[in-house]
Protein backbone atom coordinates (compact mmCIF):
# COMPACT_ATOMS: atom_id res chain seq x y z
CA UNK A 1 0.00 0.00 0.00
CA UNK A 2 2.86 2.39 0.75
CA UNK A 3 4.25 1.94 -2.78
CA UNK A 4 0.90 2.95 -4.25
CA UNK A 5 0.73 5.96 -1.96
CA UNK A 6 4.29 6.96 -2.88
CA UNK A 7 3.51 6.60 -6.58
CA UNK A 8 0.38 8.75 -6.23
CA UNK A 9 2.28 11.41 -4.33
CA UNK A 10 5.11 11.45 -6.88
CA UNK A 11 2.62 11.74 -9.74
CA UNK A 12 0.72 14.52 -7.98
CA UNK A 13 3.91 16.51 -7.42
CA UNK A 14 4.95 16.12 -11.06
CA UNK A 15 1.51 17.18 -12.31
CA UNK A 16 1.50 20.18 -10.00
CA UNK A 17 4.89 21.31 -11.25
CA UNK A 18 3.89 21.05 -14.90
CA UNK A 19 0.52 22.70 -14.28
CA UNK A 20 1.99 25.65 -12.42
CA UNK A 21 4.62 26.25 -15.07
CA UNK A 22 2.29 25.92 -18.04
CA UNK A 23 -0.84 27.70 -16.78
CA UNK A 24 -1.04 31.36 -15.82
CA UNK A 25 -2.82 32.17 -12.57
CA UNK A 26 -5.27 34.37 -14.48
CA UNK A 27 -6.66 31.43 -16.50
CA UNK A 28 -10.46 31.65 -16.59
CA UNK A 29 -11.19 27.91 -16.60
CA UNK A 30 -10.56 25.23 -14.02
CA UNK A 31 -7.13 23.57 -14.07
CA UNK A 32 -6.76 19.95 -12.95
CA UNK A 33 -3.88 19.51 -10.48
CA UNK A 34 -4.07 15.92 -9.26
CA UNK A 35 -5.75 13.44 -6.93
CA UNK A 36 -5.31 13.17 -3.17
CA UNK A 37 -6.24 10.28 -0.89
CA UNK A 38 -7.65 12.49 1.87
CA UNK A 39 -9.79 15.59 1.69
CA UNK A 40 -7.55 17.40 4.18
CA UNK A 41 -4.48 16.95 1.92
CA UNK A 42 -6.49 18.20 -1.05
CA UNK A 43 -7.67 21.25 0.88
CA UNK A 44 -4.13 21.99 2.11
CA UNK A 45 -2.80 21.95 -1.45
CA UNK A 46 -5.77 23.99 -2.72
CA UNK A 47 -5.10 26.65 -0.11
CA UNK A 48 -1.43 26.69 -1.13
CA UNK A 49 -2.42 27.33 -4.76
CA UNK A 50 -4.69 30.20 -3.65
CA UNK A 51 -1.77 31.70 -1.67
CA UNK A 52 0.33 31.47 -4.83
CA UNK A 53 -2.11 33.39 -7.04
CA UNK A 54 -5.10 31.27 -7.99
CA UNK A 55 -8.50 32.54 -6.88
CA UNK A 56 -10.36 29.30 -6.04
CA UNK A 57 -9.92 25.59 -5.48
CA UNK A 58 -12.28 22.60 -5.44
CA UNK A 59 -11.79 19.22 -3.74
CA UNK A 60 -15.08 17.52 -4.50
CA UNK A 61 -14.71 13.75 -4.53
CA UNK A 62 -15.28 10.59 -2.56
CA UNK A 63 -13.29 8.84 0.19
CA UNK A 64 -9.84 7.97 -1.12
CA UNK A 65 -10.24 9.99 -4.33
CA UNK A 66 -10.23 13.80 -4.08
CA UNK A 67 -9.27 15.55 -7.33
CA UNK A 68 -7.91 19.08 -6.90
CA UNK A 69 -9.04 21.76 -9.37
CA UNK A 70 -7.93 25.40 -9.24
CA UNK A 71 -8.71 28.59 -11.12
PDB file of N, CA and C in Angstrom:
ATOM      1  N   UNK A   1       0.815  -1.195   0.000  1.00  0.00           N
ATOM      2  CA  UNK A   1       0.000   0.000   0.000  1.00  0.00           C
ATOM      3  C   UNK A   1       0.863   1.265   0.000  1.00  0.00           C
ATOM      4  N   UNK A   2       2.008   1.203   0.685  1.00  0.00           N
ATOM      5  CA  UNK A   2       2.857   2.389   0.748  1.00  0.00           C
ATOM      6  C   UNK A   2       3.483   2.698  -0.608  1.00  0.00           C
ATOM      7  N   UNK A   3       3.716   1.681  -1.439  1.00  0.00           N
ATOM      8  CA  UNK A   3       4.251   1.937  -2.777  1.00  0.00           C
ATOM      9  C   UNK A   3       3.228   2.676  -3.626  1.00  0.00           C
ATOM     10  N   UNK A   4       1.970   2.270  -3.511  1.00  0.00           N
ATOM     11  CA  UNK A   4       0.905   2.949  -4.251  1.00  0.00           C
ATOM     12  C   UNK A   4       0.788   4.393  -3.794  1.00  0.00           C
ATOM     13  N   UNK A   5       0.821   4.610  -2.508  1.00  0.00           N
ATOM     14  CA  UNK A   5       0.726   5.957  -1.955  1.00  0.00           C
ATOM     15  C   UNK A   5       1.911   6.815  -2.420  1.00  0.00           C
ATOM     16  N   UNK A   6       3.114   6.235  -2.424  1.00  0.00           N
ATOM     17  CA  UNK A   6       4.293   6.963  -2.875  1.00  0.00           C
ATOM     18  C   UNK A   6       4.189   7.296  -4.358  1.00  0.00           C
ATOM     19  N   UNK A   7       3.670   6.357  -5.150  1.00  0.00           N
ATOM     20  CA  UNK A   7       3.509   6.604  -6.582  1.00  0.00           C
ATOM     21  C   UNK A   7       2.492   7.709  -6.829  1.00  0.00           C
ATOM     22  N   UNK A   8       1.386   7.701  -6.089  1.00  0.00           N
ATOM     23  CA  UNK A   8       0.376   8.751  -6.234  1.00  0.00           C
ATOM     24  C   UNK A   8       0.945  10.110  -5.849  1.00  0.00           C
ATOM     25  N   UNK A   9       1.698  10.152  -4.781  1.00  0.00           N
ATOM     26  CA  UNK A   9       2.284  11.409  -4.332  1.00  0.00           C
ATOM     27  C   UNK A   9       3.294  11.932  -5.352  1.00  0.00           C
ATOM     28  N   UNK A  10       4.123  11.044  -5.882  1.00  0.00           N
ATOM     29  CA  UNK A  10       5.109  11.447  -6.881  1.00  0.00           C
ATOM     30  C   UNK A  10       4.421  11.984  -8.130  1.00  0.00           C
ATOM     31  N   UNK A  11       3.374  11.297  -8.571  1.00  0.00           N
ATOM     32  CA  UNK A  11       2.625  11.742  -9.743  1.00  0.00           C
ATOM     33  C   UNK A  11       1.966  13.088  -9.486  1.00  0.00           C
ATOM     34  N   UNK A  12       1.382  13.252  -8.320  1.00  0.00           N
ATOM     35  CA  UNK A  12       0.722  14.521  -7.981  1.00  0.00           C
ATOM     36  C   UNK A  12       1.719  15.671  -7.983  1.00  0.00           C
ATOM     37  N   UNK A  13       2.901  15.457  -7.443  1.00  0.00           N
ATOM     38  CA  UNK A  13       3.914  16.513  -7.416  1.00  0.00           C
ATOM     39  C   UNK A  13       4.359  16.871  -8.834  1.00  0.00           C
ATOM     40  N   UNK A  14       4.542  15.857  -9.674  1.00  0.00           N
ATOM     41  CA  UNK A  14       4.949  16.118 -11.057  1.00  0.00           C
ATOM     42  C   UNK A  14       3.873  16.886 -11.809  1.00  0.00           C
ATOM     43  N   UNK A  15       2.616  16.492 -11.630  1.00  0.00           N
ATOM     44  CA  UNK A  15       1.514  17.175 -12.306  1.00  0.00           C
ATOM     45  C   UNK A  15       1.409  18.611 -11.821  1.00  0.00           C
ATOM     46  N   UNK A  16       1.578  18.824 -10.533  1.00  0.00           N
ATOM     47  CA  UNK A  16       1.504  20.182  -9.996  1.00  0.00           C
ATOM     48  C   UNK A  16       2.593  21.059 -10.593  1.00  0.00           C
ATOM     49  N   UNK A  17       3.792  20.529 -10.693  1.00  0.00           N
ATOM     50  CA  UNK A  17       4.890  21.311 -11.248  1.00  0.00           C
ATOM     51  C   UNK A  17       4.633  21.697 -12.690  1.00  0.00           C
ATOM     52  N   UNK A  18       4.175  20.769 -13.491  1.00  0.00           N
ATOM     53  CA  UNK A  18       3.889  21.053 -14.895  1.00  0.00           C
ATOM     54  C   UNK A  18       2.725  22.026 -15.009  1.00  0.00           C
ATOM     55  N   UNK A  19       1.692  21.829 -14.216  1.00  0.00           N
ATOM     56  CA  UNK A  19       0.517  22.701 -14.283  1.00  0.00           C
ATOM     57  C   UNK A  19       0.856  24.137 -13.900  1.00  0.00           C
ATOM     58  N   UNK A  20       1.639  24.300 -12.871  1.00  0.00           N
ATOM     59  CA  UNK A  20       1.992  25.645 -12.418  1.00  0.00           C
ATOM     60  C   UNK A  20       2.839  26.350 -13.466  1.00  0.00           C
ATOM     61  N   UNK A  21       3.745  25.628 -14.084  1.00  0.00           N
ATOM     62  CA  UNK A  21       4.621  26.246 -15.068  1.00  0.00           C
ATOM     63  C   UNK A  21       3.921  26.548 -16.378  1.00  0.00           C
ATOM     64  N   UNK A  22       2.909  25.760 -16.733  1.00  0.00           N
ATOM     65  CA  UNK A  22       2.294  25.916 -18.044  1.00  0.00           C
ATOM     66  C   UNK A  22       0.988  26.706 -18.029  1.00  0.00           C
ATOM     67  N   UNK A  23       0.445  27.018 -16.860  1.00  0.00           N
ATOM     68  CA  UNK A  23      -0.842  27.695 -16.784  1.00  0.00           C
ATOM     69  C   UNK A  23      -0.725  28.981 -15.982  1.00  0.00           C
ATOM     70  N   UNK A  24      -1.083  30.108 -16.581  1.00  0.00           N
ATOM     71  CA  UNK A  24      -1.045  31.359 -15.818  1.00  0.00           C
ATOM     72  C   UNK A  24      -2.124  31.391 -14.741  1.00  0.00           C
ATOM     73  N   UNK A  25      -1.864  32.099 -13.671  1.00  0.00           N
ATOM     74  CA  UNK A  25      -2.819  32.169 -12.573  1.00  0.00           C
ATOM     75  C   UNK A  25      -4.113  32.862 -12.985  1.00  0.00           C
ATOM     76  N   UNK A  26      -4.080  33.636 -14.053  1.00  0.00           N
ATOM     77  CA  UNK A  26      -5.266  34.366 -14.483  1.00  0.00           C
ATOM     78  C   UNK A  26      -6.174  33.525 -15.390  1.00  0.00           C
ATOM     79  N   UNK A  27      -5.856  32.268 -15.600  1.00  0.00           N
ATOM     80  CA  UNK A  27      -6.662  31.434 -16.498  1.00  0.00           C
ATOM     81  C   UNK A  27      -8.111  31.398 -16.020  1.00  0.00           C
ATOM     82  N   UNK A  28      -9.045  31.554 -16.946  1.00  0.00           N
ATOM     83  CA  UNK A  28     -10.460  31.651 -16.592  1.00  0.00           C
ATOM     84  C   UNK A  28     -11.067  30.303 -16.228  1.00  0.00           C
ATOM     85  N   UNK A  29     -10.605  29.221 -16.845  1.00  0.00           N
ATOM     86  CA  UNK A  29     -11.188  27.909 -16.601  1.00  0.00           C
ATOM     87  C   UNK A  29     -10.516  27.176 -15.450  1.00  0.00           C
ATOM     88  N   UNK A  30     -11.114  26.061 -15.080  1.00  0.00           N
ATOM     89  CA  UNK A  30     -10.563  25.230 -14.018  1.00  0.00           C
ATOM     90  C   UNK A  30      -9.375  24.444 -14.550  1.00  0.00           C
ATOM     91  N   UNK A  31      -8.340  24.303 -13.724  1.00  0.00           N
ATOM     92  CA  UNK A  31      -7.132  23.568 -14.073  1.00  0.00           C
ATOM     93  C   UNK A  31      -7.026  22.366 -13.136  1.00  0.00           C
ATOM     94  N   UNK A  32      -6.908  21.174 -13.729  1.00  0.00           N
ATOM     95  CA  UNK A  32      -6.762  19.953 -12.945  1.00  0.00           C
ATOM     96  C   UNK A  32      -5.340  19.862 -12.418  1.00  0.00           C
ATOM     97  N   UNK A  33      -5.197  19.613 -11.099  1.00  0.00           N
ATOM     98  CA  UNK A  33      -3.883  19.512 -10.482  1.00  0.00           C
ATOM     99  C   UNK A  33      -3.505  18.059 -10.226  1.00  0.00           C
ATOM    100  N   UNK A  34      -4.366  17.312  -9.586  1.00  0.00           N
ATOM    101  CA  UNK A  34      -4.066  15.920  -9.260  1.00  0.00           C
ATOM    102  C   UNK A  34      -5.081  15.364  -8.281  1.00  0.00           C
ATOM    103  N   UNK A  35      -4.837  14.130  -7.839  1.00  0.00           N
ATOM    104  CA  UNK A  35      -5.754  13.435  -6.932  1.00  0.00           C
ATOM    105  C   UNK A  35      -5.059  13.207  -5.598  1.00  0.00           C
ATOM    106  N   UNK A  36      -5.814  13.395  -4.522  1.00  0.00           N
ATOM    107  CA  UNK A  36      -5.307  13.168  -3.173  1.00  0.00           C
ATOM    108  C   UNK A  36      -6.156  12.110  -2.486  1.00  0.00           C
ATOM    109  N   UNK A  37      -5.543  11.370  -1.562  1.00  0.00           N
ATOM    110  CA  UNK A  37      -6.236  10.276  -0.895  1.00  0.00           C
ATOM    111  C   UNK A  37      -7.099  10.744   0.278  1.00  0.00           C
ATOM    112  N   UNK A  38      -6.822  11.941   0.800  1.00  0.00           N
ATOM    113  CA  UNK A  38      -7.654  12.486   1.868  1.00  0.00           C
ATOM    114  C   UNK A  38      -8.103  13.893   1.493  1.00  0.00           C
ATOM    115  N   UNK A  39      -9.266  14.256   1.991  1.00  0.00           N
ATOM    116  CA  UNK A  39      -9.794  15.585   1.692  1.00  0.00           C
ATOM    117  C   UNK A  39      -8.928  16.669   2.335  1.00  0.00           C
ATOM    118  N   UNK A  40      -8.379  16.388   3.507  1.00  0.00           N
ATOM    119  CA  UNK A  40      -7.553  17.399   4.181  1.00  0.00           C
ATOM    120  C   UNK A  40      -6.291  17.711   3.382  1.00  0.00           C
ATOM    121  N   UNK A  41      -5.666  16.701   2.763  1.00  0.00           N
ATOM    122  CA  UNK A  41      -4.481  16.949   1.924  1.00  0.00           C
ATOM    123  C   UNK A  41      -4.863  17.776   0.701  1.00  0.00           C
ATOM    124  N   UNK A  42      -6.018  17.461   0.115  1.00  0.00           N
ATOM    125  CA  UNK A  42      -6.491  18.198  -1.053  1.00  0.00           C
ATOM    126  C   UNK A  42      -6.744  19.661  -0.690  1.00  0.00           C
ATOM    127  N   UNK A  43      -7.389  19.886   0.432  1.00  0.00           N
ATOM    128  CA  UNK A  43      -7.672  21.249   0.882  1.00  0.00           C
ATOM    129  C   UNK A  43      -6.377  22.003   1.169  1.00  0.00           C
ATOM    130  N   UNK A  44      -5.420  21.351   1.831  1.00  0.00           N
ATOM    131  CA  UNK A  44      -4.129  21.994   2.109  1.00  0.00           C
ATOM    132  C   UNK A  44      -3.456  22.451   0.825  1.00  0.00           C
ATOM    133  N   UNK A  45      -3.443  21.586  -0.184  1.00  0.00           N
ATOM    134  CA  UNK A  45      -2.804  21.952  -1.452  1.00  0.00           C
ATOM    135  C   UNK A  45      -3.614  23.036  -2.170  1.00  0.00           C
ATOM    136  N   UNK A  46      -4.943  22.955  -2.110  1.00  0.00           N
ATOM    137  CA  UNK A  46      -5.775  23.985  -2.718  1.00  0.00           C
ATOM    138  C   UNK A  46      -5.518  25.348  -2.115  1.00  0.00           C
ATOM    139  N   UNK A  47      -5.396  25.397  -0.785  1.00  0.00           N
ATOM    140  CA  UNK A  47      -5.102  26.653  -0.108  1.00  0.00           C
ATOM    141  C   UNK A  47      -3.720  27.178  -0.491  1.00  0.00           C
ATOM    142  N   UNK A  48      -2.774  26.270  -0.694  1.00  0.00           N
ATOM    143  CA  UNK A  48      -1.434  26.687  -1.126  1.00  0.00           C
ATOM    144  C   UNK A  48      -1.505  27.335  -2.507  1.00  0.00           C
ATOM    145  N   UNK A  49      -2.278  26.754  -3.425  1.00  0.00           N
ATOM    146  CA  UNK A  49      -2.420  27.333  -4.763  1.00  0.00           C
ATOM    147  C   UNK A  49      -3.084  28.712  -4.701  1.00  0.00           C
ATOM    148  N   UNK A  50      -4.046  28.889  -3.805  1.00  0.00           N
ATOM    149  CA  UNK A  50      -4.686  30.200  -3.646  1.00  0.00           C
ATOM    150  C   UNK A  50      -3.663  31.211  -3.121  1.00  0.00           C
ATOM    151  N   UNK A  51      -2.822  30.806  -2.180  1.00  0.00           N
ATOM    152  CA  UNK A  51      -1.774  31.702  -1.674  1.00  0.00           C
ATOM    153  C   UNK A  51      -0.791  32.083  -2.769  1.00  0.00           C
ATOM    154  N   UNK A  52      -0.629  31.206  -3.765  1.00  0.00           N
ATOM    155  CA  UNK A  52       0.333  31.471  -4.834  1.00  0.00           C
ATOM    156  C   UNK A  52      -0.274  32.168  -6.047  1.00  0.00           C
ATOM    157  N   UNK A  53      -1.558  32.563  -5.974  1.00  0.00           N
ATOM    158  CA  UNK A  53      -2.108  33.385  -7.037  1.00  0.00           C
ATOM    159  C   UNK A  53      -3.401  32.928  -7.682  1.00  0.00           C
ATOM    160  N   UNK A  54      -3.815  31.702  -7.450  1.00  0.00           N
ATOM    161  CA  UNK A  54      -5.104  31.270  -7.994  1.00  0.00           C
ATOM    162  C   UNK A  54      -6.213  31.817  -7.108  1.00  0.00           C
ATOM    163  N   UNK A  55      -7.425  31.926  -7.648  1.00  0.00           N
ATOM    164  CA  UNK A  55      -8.500  32.541  -6.879  1.00  0.00           C
ATOM    165  C   UNK A  55      -9.390  31.531  -6.150  1.00  0.00           C
ATOM    166  N   UNK A  56      -9.472  30.301  -6.640  1.00  0.00           N
ATOM    167  CA  UNK A  56     -10.361  29.300  -6.040  1.00  0.00           C
ATOM    168  C   UNK A  56      -9.769  27.917  -6.188  1.00  0.00           C
ATOM    169  N   UNK A  57     -10.253  27.001  -5.332  1.00  0.00           N
ATOM    170  CA  UNK A  57      -9.923  25.586  -5.484  1.00  0.00           C
ATOM    171  C   UNK A  57     -11.160  24.761  -5.191  1.00  0.00           C
ATOM    172  N   UNK A  58     -11.157  23.506  -5.670  1.00  0.00           N
ATOM    173  CA  UNK A  58     -12.283  22.600  -5.439  1.00  0.00           C
ATOM    174  C   UNK A  58     -11.737  21.207  -5.188  1.00  0.00           C
ATOM    175  N   UNK A  59     -12.214  20.574  -4.113  1.00  0.00           N
ATOM    176  CA  UNK A  59     -11.785  19.224  -3.736  1.00  0.00           C
ATOM    177  C   UNK A  59     -12.982  18.281  -3.630  1.00  0.00           C
ATOM    178  N   UNK A  60     -13.907  18.382  -4.536  1.00  0.00           N
ATOM    179  CA  UNK A  60     -15.081  17.524  -4.499  1.00  0.00           C
ATOM    180  C   UNK A  60     -14.687  16.127  -4.947  1.00  0.00           C
ATOM    181  N   UNK A  61     -15.044  15.123  -4.176  1.00  0.00           N
ATOM    182  CA  UNK A  61     -14.708  13.751  -4.527  1.00  0.00           C
ATOM    183  C   UNK A  61     -15.364  12.777  -3.583  1.00  0.00           C
ATOM    184  N   UNK A  62     -14.766  11.621  -3.458  1.00  0.00           N
ATOM    185  CA  UNK A  62     -15.280  10.592  -2.561  1.00  0.00           C
ATOM    186  C   UNK A  62     -14.113  10.039  -1.756  1.00  0.00           C
ATOM    187  N   UNK A  63     -14.378   9.334  -0.666  1.00  0.00           N
ATOM    188  CA  UNK A  63     -13.288   8.842   0.189  1.00  0.00           C
ATOM    189  C   UNK A  63     -12.209   8.105  -0.609  1.00  0.00           C
ATOM    190  N   UNK A  64     -10.974   8.566  -0.438  1.00  0.00           N
ATOM    191  CA  UNK A  64      -9.840   7.965  -1.116  1.00  0.00           C
ATOM    192  C   UNK A  64      -9.545   8.540  -2.490  1.00  0.00           C
ATOM    193  N   UNK A  65     -10.419   9.426  -2.990  1.00  0.00           N
ATOM    194  CA  UNK A  65     -10.236   9.995  -4.331  1.00  0.00           C
ATOM    195  C   UNK A  65     -10.752  11.428  -4.347  1.00  0.00           C
ATOM    196  N   UNK A  66      -9.855  12.379  -4.105  1.00  0.00           N
ATOM    197  CA  UNK A  66     -10.228  13.795  -4.083  1.00  0.00           C
ATOM    198  C   UNK A  66      -9.417  14.544  -5.140  1.00  0.00           C
ATOM    199  N   UNK A  67      -9.991  14.784  -6.309  1.00  0.00           N
ATOM    200  CA  UNK A  67      -9.271  15.553  -7.332  1.00  0.00           C
ATOM    201  C   UNK A  67      -9.221  17.037  -6.962  1.00  0.00           C
ATOM    202  N   UNK A  68      -8.087  17.663  -7.183  1.00  0.00           N
ATOM    203  CA  UNK A  68      -7.910  19.083  -6.902  1.00  0.00           C
ATOM    204  C   UNK A  68      -7.992  19.862  -8.208  1.00  0.00           C
ATOM    205  N   UNK A  69      -8.879  20.843  -8.234  1.00  0.00           N
ATOM    206  CA  UNK A  69      -9.039  21.760  -9.373  1.00  0.00           C
ATOM    207  C   UNK A  69      -8.827  23.174  -8.848  1.00  0.00           C
ATOM    208  N   UNK A  70      -8.133  24.002  -9.613  1.00  0.00           N
ATOM    209  CA  UNK A  70      -7.927  25.398  -9.240  1.00  0.00           C
ATOM    210  C   UNK A  70      -8.255  26.297 -10.413  1.00  0.00           C
ATOM    211  N   UNK A  71      -8.570  27.550 -10.082  1.00  0.00           N
ATOM    212  CA  UNK A  71      -8.712  28.588 -11.117  1.00  0.00           C
ATOM    213  C   UNK A  71      -8.384  29.923 -10.528  1.00  0.00           C
TER     214      UNK A  71
END
